[in-house]
Amino acid sequence: MAFSWLKAPAAAGSDTRPRVRPAGRGDAAAIAGMASALSRAEGGFPSRFTAETYLRDGFGPNPAFRALIAERGEDVVGYAVYYPGYDTDTATRGVYLADLFVREAARRQGVGRALVTGVAEACRAAGGRWMFWSVLRHNKAGRRFYKALAPELKDVIVCAAFGRTFDRLADMAKGQGE
């Protein structure tokens, strides 16, 4: 199942805005490093997302995701990772913003907004009509940032199956239909 409909937007930027561009293979180390910093900042488990997994999963005939990079001058100051989705209620395509990270020194300078709007632009250019993301409840600064862009949904609870829980769920399928 290829997601070729969803392409990253063309590079854009000016002297006042960070330059946002599609991430390439040469950005593997920078993105993996920022993904690790994001994981640490969220207080979660160490990220398993490495330069090698970025290259393996982000390119080829069936990439799992797309990524954008934000630059100021020669410095990479942030990234966004997103992947396509579909909503059957509205019969529309969209994207899930999986990661958004801005280096601390570049925060409150429009970098996060430039990345989020870049993802929205890429989605719309591909025929998408919505964008979804999640933020940890305790991330007050992140929640304030996202609330300035779109409302928090009050009637949705996000459920997730990872690790052993996912394996147990997948294993349940073996006994079905027999």
C-alpha atoms as a PDB file:
ATOM      1  CA  MET A   1       0.000   0.000   0.000  1.00  0.00           C
ATOM      2  CA  ALA A   2       1.935   3.035  -1.247  1.00  0.00           C
ATOM      3  CA  PHE A   3       1.273   6.552  -0.044  1.00  0.00           C
ATOM      4  CA  SER A   4       2.502   8.272  -3.187  1.00  0.00           C
ATOM      5  CA  TRP A   5      -0.351  10.779  -3.083  1.00  0.00           C
ATOM      6  CA  LEU A   6       1.251  12.561  -0.148  1.00  0.00           C
ATOM      7  CA  LYS A   7       4.333  14.501  -1.170  1.00  0.00           C
ATOM      8  CA  ALA A   8       6.216  17.023   0.926  1.00  0.00           C
ATOM      9  CA  PRO A   9       5.774  20.643  -0.164  1.00  0.00           C
ATOM     10  CA  ALA A  10       8.453  22.481  -2.081  1.00  0.00           C
ATOM     11  CA  ALA A  11      11.030  24.349  -0.020  1.00  0.00           C
ATOM     12  CA  ALA A  12       9.879  27.748   1.203  1.00  0.00           C
ATOM     13  CA  GLY A  13      11.212  30.453   3.461  1.00  0.00           C
ATOM     14  CA  SER A  14      12.456  33.991   3.782  1.00  0.00           C
ATOM     15  CA  ASP A  15      14.708  36.059   5.985  1.00  0.00           C
ATOM     16  CA  THR A  16      12.023  36.322   8.680  1.00  0.00           C
ATOM     17  CA  ARG A  17      10.581  32.815   8.496  1.00  0.00           C
ATOM     18  CA  PRO A  18      12.513  29.619   8.896  1.00  0.00           C
ATOM     19  CA  ARG A  19      13.056  27.757   5.674  1.00  0.00           C
ATOM     20  CA  VAL A  20      10.928  24.599   5.627  1.00  0.00           C
ATOM     21  CA  ARG A  21      11.820  21.920   3.128  1.00  0.00           C
ATOM     22  CA  PRO A  22      11.203  18.238   2.517  1.00  0.00           C
ATOM     23  CA  ALA A  23      13.662  16.151   4.492  1.00  0.00           C
ATOM     24  CA  GLY A  24      16.027  14.039   2.458  1.00  0.00           C
ATOM     25  CA  ARG A  25      18.366  11.141   3.019  1.00  0.00           C
ATOM     26  CA  GLY A  26      21.110  13.524   4.105  1.00  0.00           C
ATOM     27  CA  ASP A  27      18.964  14.638   7.051  1.00  0.00           C
ATOM     28  CA  ALA A  28      18.939  11.202   8.683  1.00  0.00           C
ATOM     29  CA  ALA A  29      21.342  11.990  11.536  1.00  0.00           C
ATOM     30  CA  ALA A  30      19.740  15.361  12.326  1.00  0.00           C
ATOM     31  CA  ILE A  31      16.216  13.941  12.419  1.00  0.00           C
ATOM     32  CA  ALA A  32      17.246  10.915  14.489  1.00  0.00           C
ATOM     33  CA  GLY A  33      19.024  13.211  16.956  1.00  0.00           C
ATOM     34  CA  MET A  34      16.000  15.477  17.300  1.00  0.00           C
ATOM     35  CA  ALA A  35      13.675  12.455  17.652  1.00  0.00           C
ATOM     36  CA  SER A  36      15.841  11.298  20.536  1.00  0.00           C
ATOM     37  CA  ALA A  37      15.692  14.777  22.098  1.00  0.00           C
ATOM     38  CA  LEU A  38      11.894  14.767  21.724  1.00  0.00           C
ATOM     39  CA  SER A  39      11.636  11.402  23.416  1.00  0.00           C
ATOM     40  CA  ARG A  40      13.792  12.608  26.324  1.00  0.00           C
ATOM     41  CA  ALA A  41      11.804  15.842  26.617  1.00  0.00           C
ATOM     42  CA  GLU A  42       8.558  13.864  26.843  1.00  0.00           C
ATOM     43  CA  GLY A  43      10.018  11.714  29.609  1.00  0.00           C
ATOM     44  CA  GLY A  44       9.411   8.585  27.600  1.00  0.00           C
ATOM     45  CA  PHE A  45      11.479   5.617  26.670  1.00  0.00           C
ATOM     46  CA  PRO A  46      14.640   6.245  24.666  1.00  0.00           C
ATOM     47  CA  SER A  47      13.790   6.575  20.994  1.00  0.00           C
ATOM     48  CA  ARG A  48      14.577   3.611  18.759  1.00  0.00           C
ATOM     49  CA  PHE A  49      14.329   5.910  15.756  1.00  0.00           C
ATOM     50  CA  THR A  50      17.841   6.029  14.341  1.00  0.00           C
ATOM     51  CA  ALA A  51      19.361   7.387  11.162  1.00  0.00           C
ATOM     52  CA  GLU A  52      19.160   3.845   9.805  1.00  0.00           C
ATOM     53  CA  THR A  53      15.450   3.441  10.601  1.00  0.00           C
ATOM     54  CA  TYR A  54      14.760   6.876   9.113  1.00  0.00           C
ATOM     55  CA  LEU A  55      16.412   5.764   5.873  1.00  0.00           C
ATOM     56  CA  ARG A  56      14.771   2.330   5.898  1.00  0.00           C
ATOM     57  CA  ASP A  57      11.231   3.495   6.660  1.00  0.00           C
ATOM     58  CA  GLY A  58      11.114   6.966   5.124  1.00  0.00           C
ATOM     59  CA  PHE A  59      12.139   6.153   1.561  1.00  0.00           C
ATOM     60  CA  GLY A  60      11.675   3.558  -1.131  1.00  0.00           C
ATOM     61  CA  PRO A  61       8.543   2.386  -2.932  1.00  0.00           C
ATOM     62  CA  ASN A  62       6.349   2.413   0.200  1.00  0.00           C
ATOM     63  CA  PRO A  63       7.573   5.034   2.680  1.00  0.00           C
ATOM     64  CA  ALA A  64       5.904   4.884   6.102  1.00  0.00           C
ATOM     65  CA  PHE A  65       6.086   8.639   6.577  1.00  0.00           C
ATOM     66  CA  ARG A  66       7.207  11.968   5.185  1.00  0.00           C
ATOM     67  CA  ALA A  67       9.287  14.539   7.017  1.00  0.00           C
ATOM     68  CA  LEU A  68       9.950  18.252   6.856  1.00  0.00           C
ATOM     69  CA  ILE A  69      13.019  20.083   8.124  1.00  0.00           C
ATOM     70  CA  ALA A  70      13.126  23.676   9.373  1.00  0.00           C
ATOM     71  CA  GLU A  71      16.358  25.590   8.897  1.00  0.00           C
ATOM     72  CA  ARG A  72      17.659  28.957   9.969  1.00  0.00           C
ATOM     73  CA  GLY A  73      20.676  29.724   7.856  1.00  0.00           C
ATOM     74  CA  GLU A  74      22.729  26.537   7.848  1.00  0.00           C
ATOM     75  CA  ASP A  75      21.269  25.237  11.129  1.00  0.00           C
ATOM     76  CA  VAL A  76      18.583  22.548  11.297  1.00  0.00           C
ATOM     77  CA  VAL A  77      16.269  23.835  14.030  1.00  0.00           C
ATOM     78  CA  GLY A  78      13.266  21.520  13.842  1.00  0.00           C
ATOM     79  CA  TYR A  79      11.447  18.715  12.098  1.00  0.00           C
ATOM     80  CA  ALA A  80       8.000  17.256  11.570  1.00  0.00           C
ATOM     81  CA  VAL A  81       7.107  13.668  10.690  1.00  0.00           C
ATOM     82  CA  TYR A  82       3.663  12.888   9.291  1.00  0.00           C
ATOM     83  CA  TYR A  83       1.863  10.099   7.526  1.00  0.00           C
ATOM     84  CA  PRO A  84      -1.388   9.772   5.581  1.00  0.00           C
ATOM     85  CA  GLY A  85      -4.742   8.718   6.884  1.00  0.00           C
ATOM     86  CA  TYR A  86      -8.331   8.426   5.761  1.00  0.00           C
ATOM     87  CA  ASP A  87     -11.644   9.321   7.394  1.00  0.00           C
ATOM     88  CA  THR A  88     -14.639   7.242   6.325  1.00  0.00           C
ATOM     89  CA  ASP A  89     -17.181   9.643   7.880  1.00  0.00           C
ATOM     90  CA  THR A  90     -16.153  12.446   5.532  1.00  0.00           C
ATOM     91  CA  ALA A  91     -14.590  10.260   2.824  1.00  0.00           C
ATOM     92  CA  THR A  92     -11.497  12.438   2.910  1.00  0.00           C
ATOM     93  CA  ARG A  93      -7.770  12.027   3.091  1.00  0.00           C
ATOM     94  CA  GLY A  94      -5.673  13.695   5.724  1.00  0.00           C
ATOM     95  CA  VAL A  95      -2.499  13.348   7.719  1.00  0.00           C
ATOM     96  CA  TYR A  96      -1.459  12.467  11.224  1.00  0.00           C
ATOM     97  CA  LEU A  97       1.325  14.666  12.552  1.00  0.00           C
ATOM     98  CA  ALA A  98       3.382  12.094  14.435  1.00  0.00           C
ATOM     99  CA  ASP A  99       6.327  14.240  15.593  1.00  0.00           C
ATOM    100  CA  LEU A 100       6.947  17.946  15.894  1.00  0.00           C
ATOM    101  CA  PHE A 101      10.165  19.131  17.485  1.00  0.00           C
ATOM    102  CA  VAL A 102      11.922  22.484  17.628  1.00  0.00           C
ATOM    103  CA  ARG A 103      15.328  22.888  19.212  1.00  0.00           C
ATOM    104  CA  GLU A 104      15.084  24.877  22.445  1.00  0.00           C
ATOM    105  CA  ALA A 105      17.129  27.825  21.151  1.00  0.00           C
ATOM    106  CA  ALA A 106      14.731  28.232  18.206  1.00  0.00           C
ATOM    107  CA  ARG A 107      11.455  28.029  20.112  1.00  0.00           C
ATOM    108  CA  ARG A 108       8.976  30.921  20.097  1.00  0.00           C
ATOM    109  CA  GLN A 109      10.385  32.097  16.768  1.00  0.00           C
ATOM    110  CA  GLY A 110       7.764  30.688  14.395  1.00  0.00           C
ATOM    111  CA  VAL A 111       9.573  27.432  13.641  1.00  0.00           C
ATOM    112  CA  GLY A 112       6.872  25.116  15.009  1.00  0.00           C
ATOM    113  CA  ARG A 113       4.131  27.060  13.260  1.00  0.00           C
ATOM    114  CA  ALA A 114       6.080  26.955   9.982  1.00  0.00           C
ATOM    115  CA  LEU A 115       6.447  23.179  10.261  1.00  0.00           C
ATOM    116  CA  VAL A 116       2.775  22.574  11.122  1.00  0.00           C
ATOM    117  CA  THR A 117       1.572  24.827   8.314  1.00  0.00           C
ATOM    118  CA  GLY A 118       4.028  23.117   5.959  1.00  0.00           C
ATOM    119  CA  VAL A 119       2.489  19.748   6.784  1.00  0.00           C
ATOM    120  CA  ALA A 120      -1.014  21.196   6.288  1.00  0.00           C
ATOM    121  CA  GLU A 121       0.066  22.642   2.936  1.00  0.00           C
ATOM    122  CA  ALA A 122       1.459  19.279   1.797  1.00  0.00           C
ATOM    123  CA  CYS A 123      -1.742  17.552   2.880  1.00  0.00           C
ATOM    124  CA  ARG A 124      -4.025  19.994   1.076  1.00  0.00           C
ATOM    125  CA  ALA A 125      -1.874  19.908  -2.077  1.00  0.00           C
ATOM    126  CA  ALA A 126      -2.370  16.136  -2.111  1.00  0.00           C
ATOM    127  CA  GLY A 127      -6.155  16.476  -1.796  1.00  0.00           C
ATOM    128  CA  GLY A 128      -6.273  16.089   1.979  1.00  0.00           C
ATOM    129  CA  ARG A 129      -8.846  17.901   4.084  1.00  0.00           C
ATOM    130  CA  TRP A 130      -7.768  17.351   7.680  1.00  0.00           C
ATOM    131  CA  MET A 131      -4.838  17.014  10.035  1.00  0.00           C
ATOM    132  CA  PHE A 132      -4.725  15.224  13.366  1.00  0.00           C
ATOM    133  CA  TRP A 133      -2.142  15.189  16.139  1.00  0.00           C
ATOM    134  CA  SER A 134      -1.867  14.336  19.792  1.00  0.00           C
ATOM    135  CA  VAL A 135      -0.025  15.927  22.668  1.00  0.00           C
ATOM    136  CA  LEU A 136       0.737  14.640  26.123  1.00  0.00           C
ATOM    137  CA  ARG A 137      -1.662  16.014  28.735  1.00  0.00           C
ATOM    138  CA  HIS A 138       1.207  17.243  30.939  1.00  0.00           C
ATOM    139  CA  ASN A 139       2.890  19.141  28.073  1.00  0.00           C
ATOM    140  CA  LYS A 140       1.356  22.519  28.925  1.00  0.00           C
ATOM    141  CA  ALA A 141       3.533  24.537  26.531  1.00  0.00           C
ATOM    142  CA  GLY A 142       2.751  22.145  23.680  1.00  0.00           C
ATOM    143  CA  ARG A 143      -0.952  22.274  24.428  1.00  0.00           C
ATOM    144  CA  ARG A 144      -0.934  26.091  24.416  1.00  0.00           C
ATOM    145  CA  PHE A 145       0.908  26.053  21.084  1.00  0.00           C
ATOM    146  CA  TYR A 146      -1.506  23.590  19.484  1.00  0.00           C
ATOM    147  CA  LYS A 147      -4.602  25.330  20.908  1.00  0.00           C
ATOM    148  CA  ALA A 148      -3.528  28.491  19.082  1.00  0.00           C
ATOM    149  CA  LEU A 149      -3.744  26.496  15.845  1.00  0.00           C
ATOM    150  CA  ALA A 150      -6.817  24.307  16.385  1.00  0.00           C
ATOM    151  CA  PRO A 151      -9.146  23.317  19.203  1.00  0.00           C
ATOM    152  CA  GLU A 152      -8.540  20.324  21.451  1.00  0.00           C
ATOM    153  CA  LEU A 153     -11.171  17.657  20.944  1.00  0.00           C
ATOM    154  CA  LYS A 154     -13.016  17.032  24.201  1.00  0.00           C
ATOM    155  CA  ASP A 155     -15.026  14.004  23.127  1.00  0.00           C
ATOM    156  CA  VAL A 156     -12.179  11.804  21.855  1.00  0.00           C
ATOM    157  CA  ILE A 157     -10.098   9.404  23.882  1.00  0.00           C
ATOM    158  CA  VAL A 158      -6.990   8.101  22.172  1.00  0.00           C
ATOM    159  CA  CYS A 159      -6.287   4.410  22.696  1.00  0.00           C
ATOM    160  CA  ALA A 160      -2.980   2.809  21.834  1.00  0.00           C
ATOM    161  CA  ALA A 161      -1.609  -0.712  21.708  1.00  0.00           C
ATOM    162  CA  PHE A 162       2.184  -1.013  21.872  1.00  0.00           C
ATOM    163  CA  GLY A 163       4.624  -3.799  22.669  1.00  0.00           C
ATOM    164  CA  ARG A 164       3.109  -6.751  24.499  1.00  0.00           C
ATOM    165  CA  THR A 165      -0.373  -5.266  24.352  1.00  0.00           C
ATOM    166  CA  PHE A 166      -0.121  -5.012  20.561  1.00  0.00           C
ATOM    167  CA  ASP A 167       1.266  -8.533  20.270  1.00  0.00           C
ATOM    168  CA  ARG A 168      -1.566  -9.911  22.430  1.00  0.00           C
ATOM    169  CA  LEU A 169      -4.115  -8.080  20.284  1.00  0.00           C
ATOM    170  CA  ALA A 170      -2.588  -9.345  17.031  1.00  0.00           C
ATOM    171  CA  ASP A 171      -2.363 -12.870  18.431  1.00  0.00           C
ATOM    172  CA  MET A 172      -6.105 -12.835  19.118  1.00  0.00           C
ATOM    173  CA  ALA A 173      -6.696 -12.923  15.362  1.00  0.00           C
ATOM    174  CA  LYS A 174      -5.237 -16.431  15.141  1.00  0.00           C
ATOM    175  CA  GLY A 175      -8.230 -17.906  16.936  1.00  0.00           C
ATOM    176  CA  GLN A 176     -10.837 -15.992  14.941  1.00  0.00           C
ATOM    177  CA  GLY A 177     -12.553 -17.407  11.906  1.00  0.00           C
ATOM    178  CA  GLU A 178     -11.672 -21.015  12.632  1.00  0.00           C
END
